[in-house]
């Protein structure tokens, strides 16, 4: 099968408002700017569609995930993972783009999601990503700015999944039940009030 230049560079992909070249260029941009170390580590599967991702995950344990390039978002990368619940077996997170990674890194986002355990096919997540986690200050005083304000932290949370995982576990999870990114500190305290 041959592909003409116009199909490659001028004609929009079926059902999309962009060409293959625009899509591929977006993938290369996000890889180059934000994901190159993860790609080099073999932690991004990349060029598989949603159905292929589900087929790869079907016989894997809950918590196994993979990273693939989005079919629907130029320069987007998405997380597909397996977690069998009453609602469904496979979960797909809305794609991240260069803009998202300029705010918070892929590794830190993955570290926030404690139910993502294995990078496909069976590599422990922290083994693959821990060297890229941003350290969290151990002392609350170091989190204060010079002018007395406390600096907030951005955390990745998937509300729909939090309630689904709580239901299947028979408990009631809250957003605070999400584990923080592994960090230099053994235990980070994110409680509103200091512990005594």
C-alpha atoms as a PDB file:
ATOM      1  CA  UNK A   1       0.000   0.000   0.000  1.00  0.00           C
ATOM      2  CA  UNK A   2       1.405   3.395  -0.904  1.00  0.00           C
ATOM      3  CA  UNK A   3       0.625   6.743   0.658  1.00  0.00           C
ATOM      4  CA  UNK A   4       0.610   9.831  -1.524  1.00  0.00           C
ATOM      5  CA  UNK A   5       2.254  13.104  -0.471  1.00  0.00           C
ATOM      6  CA  UNK A   6      -1.129  14.802  -0.184  1.00  0.00           C
ATOM      7  CA  UNK A   7      -2.420  12.035   2.115  1.00  0.00           C
ATOM      8  CA  UNK A   8       0.684  12.420   4.243  1.00  0.00           C
ATOM      9  CA  UNK A   9       0.905  16.207   4.368  1.00  0.00           C
ATOM     10  CA  UNK A  10      -2.245  17.891   3.040  1.00  0.00           C
ATOM     11  CA  UNK A  11      -5.333  15.774   3.639  1.00  0.00           C
ATOM     12  CA  UNK A  12      -6.799  15.583   7.112  1.00  0.00           C
ATOM     13  CA  UNK A  13      -6.846  12.234   8.846  1.00  0.00           C
ATOM     14  CA  UNK A  14     -10.276  10.559   8.726  1.00  0.00           C
ATOM     15  CA  UNK A  15     -12.566  12.188  11.285  1.00  0.00           C
ATOM     16  CA  UNK A  16      -9.912  14.746  12.332  1.00  0.00           C
ATOM     17  CA  UNK A  17      -9.152  18.358  11.483  1.00  0.00           C
ATOM     18  CA  UNK A  18      -5.388  17.838  11.093  1.00  0.00           C
ATOM     19  CA  UNK A  19      -3.007  15.940   8.840  1.00  0.00           C
ATOM     20  CA  UNK A  20      -0.842  12.985   9.773  1.00  0.00           C
ATOM     21  CA  UNK A  21       2.196  15.235   9.551  1.00  0.00           C
ATOM     22  CA  UNK A  22       0.734  17.753  12.020  1.00  0.00           C
ATOM     23  CA  UNK A  23      -0.096  14.914  14.414  1.00  0.00           C
ATOM     24  CA  UNK A  24       3.349  13.328  14.099  1.00  0.00           C
ATOM     25  CA  UNK A  25       5.098  16.688  14.490  1.00  0.00           C
ATOM     26  CA  UNK A  26       3.152  17.234  17.740  1.00  0.00           C
ATOM     27  CA  UNK A  27       4.291  13.833  19.017  1.00  0.00           C
ATOM     28  CA  UNK A  28       7.916  14.677  18.206  1.00  0.00           C
ATOM     29  CA  UNK A  29       7.628  18.056  19.940  1.00  0.00           C
ATOM     30  CA  UNK A  30       6.262  16.664  23.216  1.00  0.00           C
ATOM     31  CA  UNK A  31       8.858  13.871  23.148  1.00  0.00           C
ATOM     32  CA  UNK A  32      11.734  16.250  22.549  1.00  0.00           C
ATOM     33  CA  UNK A  33      10.641  18.856  25.121  1.00  0.00           C
ATOM     34  CA  UNK A  34       9.341  16.706  27.969  1.00  0.00           C
ATOM     35  CA  UNK A  35       9.496  12.941  27.474  1.00  0.00           C
ATOM     36  CA  UNK A  36      12.847  12.039  25.926  1.00  0.00           C
ATOM     37  CA  UNK A  37      14.312  10.380  29.062  1.00  0.00           C
ATOM     38  CA  UNK A  38      11.159   8.275  29.506  1.00  0.00           C
ATOM     39  CA  UNK A  39      11.195   7.289  25.823  1.00  0.00           C
ATOM     40  CA  UNK A  40      14.873   6.317  26.107  1.00  0.00           C
ATOM     41  CA  UNK A  41      14.065   4.257  29.227  1.00  0.00           C
ATOM     42  CA  UNK A  42      11.448   2.314  27.237  1.00  0.00           C
ATOM     43  CA  UNK A  43       8.684   3.573  29.533  1.00  0.00           C
ATOM     44  CA  UNK A  44       6.479   4.904  26.718  1.00  0.00           C
ATOM     45  CA  UNK A  45       4.833   2.366  24.438  1.00  0.00           C
ATOM     46  CA  UNK A  46       3.739   5.173  22.148  1.00  0.00           C
ATOM     47  CA  UNK A  47       2.282   4.160  18.820  1.00  0.00           C
ATOM     48  CA  UNK A  48      -0.719   2.011  19.741  1.00  0.00           C
ATOM     49  CA  UNK A  49      -4.379   2.928  19.582  1.00  0.00           C
ATOM     50  CA  UNK A  50      -6.869   2.659  22.434  1.00  0.00           C
ATOM     51  CA  UNK A  51      -8.135  -0.804  21.466  1.00  0.00           C
ATOM     52  CA  UNK A  52      -4.603  -2.165  21.079  1.00  0.00           C
ATOM     53  CA  UNK A  53      -3.748  -0.764  24.514  1.00  0.00           C
ATOM     54  CA  UNK A  54      -6.723  -2.556  26.051  1.00  0.00           C
ATOM     55  CA  UNK A  55      -5.760  -5.791  24.274  1.00  0.00           C
ATOM     56  CA  UNK A  56      -2.237  -5.540  25.711  1.00  0.00           C
ATOM     57  CA  UNK A  57      -3.518  -4.878  29.240  1.00  0.00           C
ATOM     58  CA  UNK A  58      -6.305  -7.470  29.389  1.00  0.00           C
ATOM     59  CA  UNK A  59      -4.240 -10.288  30.935  1.00  0.00           C
ATOM     60  CA  UNK A  60      -2.179  -8.034  33.187  1.00  0.00           C
ATOM     61  CA  UNK A  61      -2.766  -7.448  36.909  1.00  0.00           C
ATOM     62  CA  UNK A  62      -4.783  -4.460  38.087  1.00  0.00           C
ATOM     63  CA  UNK A  63      -2.618  -1.364  38.260  1.00  0.00           C
ATOM     64  CA  UNK A  64      -0.693  -2.124  35.070  1.00  0.00           C
ATOM     65  CA  UNK A  65      -0.557   0.904  32.782  1.00  0.00           C
ATOM     66  CA  UNK A  66       0.974   2.085  29.560  1.00  0.00           C
ATOM     67  CA  UNK A  67       1.607   5.419  27.931  1.00  0.00           C
ATOM     68  CA  UNK A  68       0.482   5.919  24.353  1.00  0.00           C
ATOM     69  CA  UNK A  69       0.219   8.827  21.955  1.00  0.00           C
ATOM     70  CA  UNK A  70      -3.306  10.152  21.649  1.00  0.00           C
ATOM     71  CA  UNK A  71      -5.134   9.638  18.368  1.00  0.00           C
ATOM     72  CA  UNK A  72      -7.354  12.650  19.010  1.00  0.00           C
ATOM     73  CA  UNK A  73      -5.006  15.285  20.447  1.00  0.00           C
ATOM     74  CA  UNK A  74      -2.023  16.700  18.573  1.00  0.00           C
ATOM     75  CA  UNK A  75       1.049  16.169  20.746  1.00  0.00           C
ATOM     76  CA  UNK A  76      -1.000  14.388  23.403  1.00  0.00           C
ATOM     77  CA  UNK A  77       0.059  11.392  25.451  1.00  0.00           C
ATOM     78  CA  UNK A  78      -2.412   9.416  27.518  1.00  0.00           C
ATOM     79  CA  UNK A  79      -2.342   6.830  30.272  1.00  0.00           C
ATOM     80  CA  UNK A  80      -4.315   3.619  29.767  1.00  0.00           C
ATOM     81  CA  UNK A  81      -4.531   1.296  32.759  1.00  0.00           C
ATOM     82  CA  UNK A  82      -6.302  -1.796  33.965  1.00  0.00           C
ATOM     83  CA  UNK A  83      -8.393  -1.773  37.095  1.00  0.00           C
ATOM     84  CA  UNK A  84     -11.358  -4.097  37.151  1.00  0.00           C
ATOM     85  CA  UNK A  85     -14.339  -2.440  38.826  1.00  0.00           C
ATOM     86  CA  UNK A  86     -18.098  -2.800  38.575  1.00  0.00           C
ATOM     87  CA  UNK A  87     -18.112   0.112  36.144  1.00  0.00           C
ATOM     88  CA  UNK A  88     -15.365  -1.017  33.743  1.00  0.00           C
ATOM     89  CA  UNK A  89     -12.017  -2.758  33.364  1.00  0.00           C
ATOM     90  CA  UNK A  90      -9.957  -0.198  31.406  1.00  0.00           C
ATOM     91  CA  UNK A  91      -9.379   3.452  32.148  1.00  0.00           C
ATOM     92  CA  UNK A  92      -8.007   6.142  29.832  1.00  0.00           C
ATOM     93  CA  UNK A  93      -6.892   9.499  31.123  1.00  0.00           C
ATOM     94  CA  UNK A  94      -7.473  12.634  29.067  1.00  0.00           C
ATOM     95  CA  UNK A  95      -4.268  13.298  27.095  1.00  0.00           C
ATOM     96  CA  UNK A  96      -1.488  15.471  28.473  1.00  0.00           C
ATOM     97  CA  UNK A  97       0.220  17.984  26.182  1.00  0.00           C
ATOM     98  CA  UNK A  98       3.339  20.140  26.255  1.00  0.00           C
ATOM     99  CA  UNK A  99       1.353  22.771  28.165  1.00  0.00           C
ATOM    100  CA  UNK A 100       0.474  20.252  30.896  1.00  0.00           C
ATOM    101  CA  UNK A 101       4.074  19.085  31.244  1.00  0.00           C
ATOM    102  CA  UNK A 102       5.308  22.662  31.555  1.00  0.00           C
ATOM    103  CA  UNK A 103       3.186  22.827  34.748  1.00  0.00           C
ATOM    104  CA  UNK A 104       3.949  19.371  36.208  1.00  0.00           C
ATOM    105  CA  UNK A 105       6.149  16.575  34.907  1.00  0.00           C
ATOM    106  CA  UNK A 106       4.951  13.197  33.694  1.00  0.00           C
ATOM    107  CA  UNK A 107       6.859  11.404  36.460  1.00  0.00           C
ATOM    108  CA  UNK A 108       5.284  13.510  39.210  1.00  0.00           C
ATOM    109  CA  UNK A 109       1.817  13.017  37.714  1.00  0.00           C
ATOM    110  CA  UNK A 110       2.343   9.255  37.635  1.00  0.00           C
ATOM    111  CA  UNK A 111       3.772   9.284  41.160  1.00  0.00           C
ATOM    112  CA  UNK A 112       0.573  10.903  42.457  1.00  0.00           C
ATOM    113  CA  UNK A 113      -1.585   8.057  41.140  1.00  0.00           C
ATOM    114  CA  UNK A 114      -0.921   5.298  43.670  1.00  0.00           C
ATOM    115  CA  UNK A 115      -3.132   2.789  41.860  1.00  0.00           C
ATOM    116  CA  UNK A 116      -0.756   2.806  38.874  1.00  0.00           C
ATOM    117  CA  UNK A 117       1.666   0.084  39.950  1.00  0.00           C
ATOM    118  CA  UNK A 118       3.337  -1.536  36.932  1.00  0.00           C
ATOM    119  CA  UNK A 119       4.611  -0.002  33.703  1.00  0.00           C
ATOM    120  CA  UNK A 120       3.620  -2.373  30.895  1.00  0.00           C
ATOM    121  CA  UNK A 121       4.495  -5.185  30.708  1.00  0.00           C
ATOM    122  CA  UNK A 122       5.555  -5.697  34.353  1.00  0.00           C
ATOM    123  CA  UNK A 123       8.077  -3.103  35.543  1.00  0.00           C
ATOM    124  CA  UNK A 124       7.424  -1.529  38.967  1.00  0.00           C
ATOM    125  CA  UNK A 125       6.465   2.120  38.410  1.00  0.00           C
ATOM    126  CA  UNK A 126       8.771   3.515  41.070  1.00  0.00           C
ATOM    127  CA  UNK A 127      11.718   1.563  39.652  1.00  0.00           C
ATOM    128  CA  UNK A 128      11.159   3.278  36.314  1.00  0.00           C
ATOM    129  CA  UNK A 129      10.131   6.796  37.383  1.00  0.00           C
ATOM    130  CA  UNK A 130      11.508   7.486  40.887  1.00  0.00           C
ATOM    131  CA  UNK A 131      14.715   9.028  39.542  1.00  0.00           C
ATOM    132  CA  UNK A 132      12.537  11.694  37.858  1.00  0.00           C
ATOM    133  CA  UNK A 133      10.277  12.551  40.832  1.00  0.00           C
ATOM    134  CA  UNK A 134      10.575  16.109  42.150  1.00  0.00           C
ATOM    135  CA  UNK A 135      11.708  15.987  45.799  1.00  0.00           C
ATOM    136  CA  UNK A 136       9.156  17.216  48.346  1.00  0.00           C
ATOM    137  CA  UNK A 137      10.590  19.334  51.200  1.00  0.00           C
ATOM    138  CA  UNK A 138      10.721  17.410  54.485  1.00  0.00           C
ATOM    139  CA  UNK A 139      10.325  20.403  56.771  1.00  0.00           C
ATOM    140  CA  UNK A 140       7.102  22.438  56.632  1.00  0.00           C
ATOM    141  CA  UNK A 141       9.182  25.588  57.253  1.00  0.00           C
ATOM    142  CA  UNK A 142      10.969  25.111  53.924  1.00  0.00           C
ATOM    143  CA  UNK A 143       7.610  25.239  52.169  1.00  0.00           C
ATOM    144  CA  UNK A 144       7.033  28.829  53.374  1.00  0.00           C
ATOM    145  CA  UNK A 145       7.945  31.686  51.111  1.00  0.00           C
ATOM    146  CA  UNK A 146      10.004  34.600  52.396  1.00  0.00           C
ATOM    147  CA  UNK A 147       6.910  36.756  52.787  1.00  0.00           C
ATOM    148  CA  UNK A 148       5.166  34.200  55.015  1.00  0.00           C
ATOM    149  CA  UNK A 149       2.907  32.548  52.450  1.00  0.00           C
ATOM    150  CA  UNK A 150       2.808  28.775  52.223  1.00  0.00           C
ATOM    151  CA  UNK A 151       3.383  27.483  48.720  1.00  0.00           C
ATOM    152  CA  UNK A 152       0.680  25.040  47.537  1.00  0.00           C
ATOM    153  CA  UNK A 153       1.447  21.825  45.710  1.00  0.00           C
ATOM    154  CA  UNK A 154      -0.230  20.610  42.553  1.00  0.00           C
ATOM    155  CA  UNK A 155      -1.318  16.962  42.671  1.00  0.00           C
ATOM    156  CA  UNK A 156      -2.755  14.708  39.986  1.00  0.00           C
ATOM    157  CA  UNK A 157      -6.165  13.325  41.012  1.00  0.00           C
ATOM    158  CA  UNK A 158      -8.689  11.317  39.013  1.00  0.00           C
ATOM    159  CA  UNK A 159     -11.967  11.887  40.924  1.00  0.00           C
ATOM    160  CA  UNK A 160     -13.972   9.283  39.004  1.00  0.00           C
ATOM    161  CA  UNK A 161     -11.338   6.649  39.682  1.00  0.00           C
ATOM    162  CA  UNK A 162     -10.989   7.544  43.355  1.00  0.00           C
ATOM    163  CA  UNK A 163     -14.670   6.782  43.935  1.00  0.00           C
ATOM    164  CA  UNK A 164     -14.528   3.661  41.727  1.00  0.00           C
ATOM    165  CA  UNK A 165     -11.496   2.248  43.522  1.00  0.00           C
ATOM    166  CA  UNK A 166     -13.066   3.048  46.902  1.00  0.00           C
ATOM    167  CA  UNK A 167     -16.293   1.273  45.942  1.00  0.00           C
ATOM    168  CA  UNK A 168     -14.466  -1.850  44.826  1.00  0.00           C
ATOM    169  CA  UNK A 169     -12.319  -1.828  47.963  1.00  0.00           C
ATOM    170  CA  UNK A 170     -15.416  -1.530  50.145  1.00  0.00           C
ATOM    171  CA  UNK A 171     -14.176   1.695  51.730  1.00  0.00           C
ATOM    172  CA  UNK A 172     -14.746   5.350  51.328  1.00  0.00           C
ATOM    173  CA  UNK A 173     -11.795   7.111  49.748  1.00  0.00           C
ATOM    174  CA  UNK A 174     -11.227  10.818  49.748  1.00  0.00           C
ATOM    175  CA  UNK A 175      -8.886  12.885  47.628  1.00  0.00           C
ATOM    176  CA  UNK A 176      -6.395  12.836  50.496  1.00  0.00           C
ATOM    177  CA  UNK A 177      -6.250   9.035  50.254  1.00  0.00           C
ATOM    178  CA  UNK A 178      -4.184   9.461  47.102  1.00  0.00           C
ATOM    179  CA  UNK A 179      -0.566   8.830  48.011  1.00  0.00           C
ATOM    180  CA  UNK A 180       1.832  11.702  47.377  1.00  0.00           C
ATOM    181  CA  UNK A 181       4.633  11.318  44.880  1.00  0.00           C
ATOM    182  CA  UNK A 182       7.455   9.296  46.387  1.00  0.00           C
ATOM    183  CA  UNK A 183       9.990  11.828  47.534  1.00  0.00           C
ATOM    184  CA  UNK A 184      13.154  12.361  49.485  1.00  0.00           C
ATOM    185  CA  UNK A 185      11.130  12.436  52.718  1.00  0.00           C
ATOM    186  CA  UNK A 186       9.863   9.107  54.014  1.00  0.00           C
ATOM    187  CA  UNK A 187       6.522  10.647  55.062  1.00  0.00           C
ATOM    188  CA  UNK A 188       5.072  13.911  53.849  1.00  0.00           C
ATOM    189  CA  UNK A 189       2.220  15.418  55.855  1.00  0.00           C
ATOM    190  CA  UNK A 190      -0.541  17.001  53.806  1.00  0.00           C
ATOM    191  CA  UNK A 191      -3.005  17.394  56.660  1.00  0.00           C
ATOM    192  CA  UNK A 192      -4.679  20.726  57.159  1.00  0.00           C
ATOM    193  CA  UNK A 193      -3.711  20.858  60.844  1.00  0.00           C
ATOM    194  CA  UNK A 194      -0.325  19.964  62.346  1.00  0.00           C
ATOM    195  CA  UNK A 195      -0.036  16.575  64.053  1.00  0.00           C
ATOM    196  CA  UNK A 196       0.682  16.590  67.800  1.00  0.00           C
END
